[in-house]
């Protein structure tokens, strides 16, 4: 699976109402935050930007798959994508839009 597909799958995960979170990579069915993408439970129902990318493409590919997002947002480091997600002014729609645009750019770059 390519980076563009991972990013689009992550956007698909986050588009649903209530599927986005801040302050944790993911939240389980009870709303408990998960602080490691390698320990995400199967019942995780909402994700931050990095957690959604990890769920979509596997935790070992998360940081690499976030590179187009990092470039799009003008960030310097991968962990800044998580900080961007967690900004209290951020919205779910902005996160989904960033993933979609980064996927589009990644697709163009690989064509």
Protein backbone atom coordinates (compact mmCIF):
# COMPACT_ATOMS: atom_id res chain seq x y z
CA UNK A 1 0.00 0.00 0.00
CA UNK A 2 1.36 3.41 -0.96
CA UNK A 3 1.55 6.55 1.15
CA UNK A 4 -1.35 8.24 -0.69
CA UNK A 5 -3.61 5.26 0.02
CA UNK A 6 -2.59 5.22 3.70
CA UNK A 7 -3.37 8.94 4.03
CA UNK A 8 -6.75 8.56 2.29
CA UNK A 9 -7.64 5.62 4.53
CA UNK A 10 -6.66 7.69 7.56
CA UNK A 11 -8.91 10.51 6.33
CA UNK A 12 -11.73 8.00 5.87
CA UNK A 13 -11.31 6.92 9.51
CA UNK A 14 -11.44 10.51 10.74
CA UNK A 15 -14.36 11.75 8.62
CA UNK A 16 -17.02 10.08 10.72
CA UNK A 17 -18.56 12.23 13.46
CA UNK A 18 -16.76 11.60 16.74
CA UNK A 19 -13.90 9.73 15.08
CA UNK A 20 -11.24 12.37 15.78
CA UNK A 21 -9.51 13.02 19.09
CA UNK A 22 -6.82 15.16 20.63
CA UNK A 23 -4.37 14.35 23.42
CA UNK A 24 -4.03 10.67 22.58
CA UNK A 25 -3.18 8.60 19.52
CA UNK A 26 -6.54 6.86 19.87
CA UNK A 27 -9.35 6.23 22.30
CA UNK A 28 -10.94 2.88 23.04
CA UNK A 29 -14.67 2.20 23.20
CA UNK A 30 -14.79 3.65 26.73
CA UNK A 31 -12.95 6.82 25.69
CA UNK A 32 -9.70 5.89 27.41
CA UNK A 33 -6.70 7.43 25.64
CA UNK A 34 -4.00 5.28 24.10
CA UNK A 35 -0.49 6.71 24.27
CA UNK A 36 1.26 4.21 21.97
CA UNK A 37 0.32 3.34 18.40
CA UNK A 38 1.73 -0.13 19.05
CA UNK A 39 -0.88 -0.71 21.76
CA UNK A 40 -4.04 0.50 20.01
CA UNK A 41 -6.94 -1.75 20.90
CA UNK A 42 -9.09 -3.27 18.18
CA UNK A 43 -12.07 -1.32 19.53
CA UNK A 44 -10.39 2.07 19.14
CA UNK A 45 -13.04 4.32 17.63
CA UNK A 46 -11.39 7.71 17.41
CA UNK A 47 -7.90 8.77 16.46
CA UNK A 48 -5.59 11.74 16.20
CA UNK A 49 -3.91 12.36 12.85
CA UNK A 50 -0.96 10.08 13.66
CA UNK A 51 -3.13 7.38 15.21
CA UNK A 52 -5.35 7.29 12.12
CA UNK A 53 -2.29 6.96 9.88
CA UNK A 54 -0.96 4.17 12.12
CA UNK A 55 -4.30 2.34 11.99
CA UNK A 56 -4.52 2.79 8.22
CA UNK A 57 -1.00 1.70 7.30
CA UNK A 58 0.48 0.04 10.36
CA UNK A 59 2.36 1.66 13.24
CA UNK A 60 5.76 0.96 11.72
CA UNK A 61 4.87 3.10 8.68
CA UNK A 62 3.23 5.97 10.59
CA UNK A 63 6.07 8.51 10.69
CA UNK A 64 7.13 7.89 7.09
CA UNK A 65 3.56 8.16 5.84
CA UNK A 66 3.17 11.48 7.66
CA UNK A 67 5.99 13.12 5.65
CA UNK A 68 3.61 14.56 3.00
CA UNK A 69 1.46 16.01 5.81
CA UNK A 70 4.52 17.51 7.48
CA UNK A 71 5.59 19.07 4.18
CA UNK A 72 2.08 20.38 3.44
CA UNK A 73 1.78 22.05 6.84
CA UNK A 74 5.29 23.52 6.71
CA UNK A 75 6.42 21.58 9.76
CA UNK A 76 9.96 20.39 10.39
CA UNK A 77 9.52 17.23 12.47
CA UNK A 78 7.05 14.37 12.51
CA UNK A 79 6.05 14.93 16.13
CA UNK A 80 4.91 18.44 15.17
CA UNK A 81 2.02 16.84 13.25
CA UNK A 82 0.71 15.52 16.56
CA UNK A 83 1.12 18.96 18.14
CA UNK A 84 -0.70 20.50 15.16
CA UNK A 85 -3.54 17.99 15.64
CA UNK A 86 -3.72 18.79 19.37
CA UNK A 87 -3.93 22.57 18.98
CA UNK A 88 -7.17 23.57 20.76
CA UNK A 89 -8.15 25.69 17.74
CA UNK A 90 -7.84 22.71 15.35
CA UNK A 91 -10.98 21.12 13.91
CA UNK A 92 -11.75 17.65 12.70
CA UNK A 93 -12.48 19.04 9.23
CA UNK A 94 -9.03 20.68 9.05
CA UNK A 95 -7.31 17.41 9.94
CA UNK A 96 -9.28 15.46 7.33
CA UNK A 97 -8.59 18.14 4.70
CA UNK A 98 -4.85 18.06 5.45
CA UNK A 99 -4.78 14.28 5.06
CA UNK A 100 -6.70 14.45 1.76
CA UNK A 101 -4.47 17.20 0.33
CA UNK A 102 -1.29 15.41 1.44
CA UNK A 103 -2.60 12.21 -0.16
CA UNK A 104 -3.27 14.07 -3.41
CA UNK A 105 0.26 15.52 -3.41
CA UNK A 106 1.80 12.14 -2.56
CA UNK A 107 -0.13 10.55 -5.42
CA UNK A 108 1.08 13.21 -7.86
CA UNK A 109 4.66 12.82 -6.66
CA UNK A 110 4.62 9.06 -7.23
CA UNK A 111 3.03 9.30 -10.70
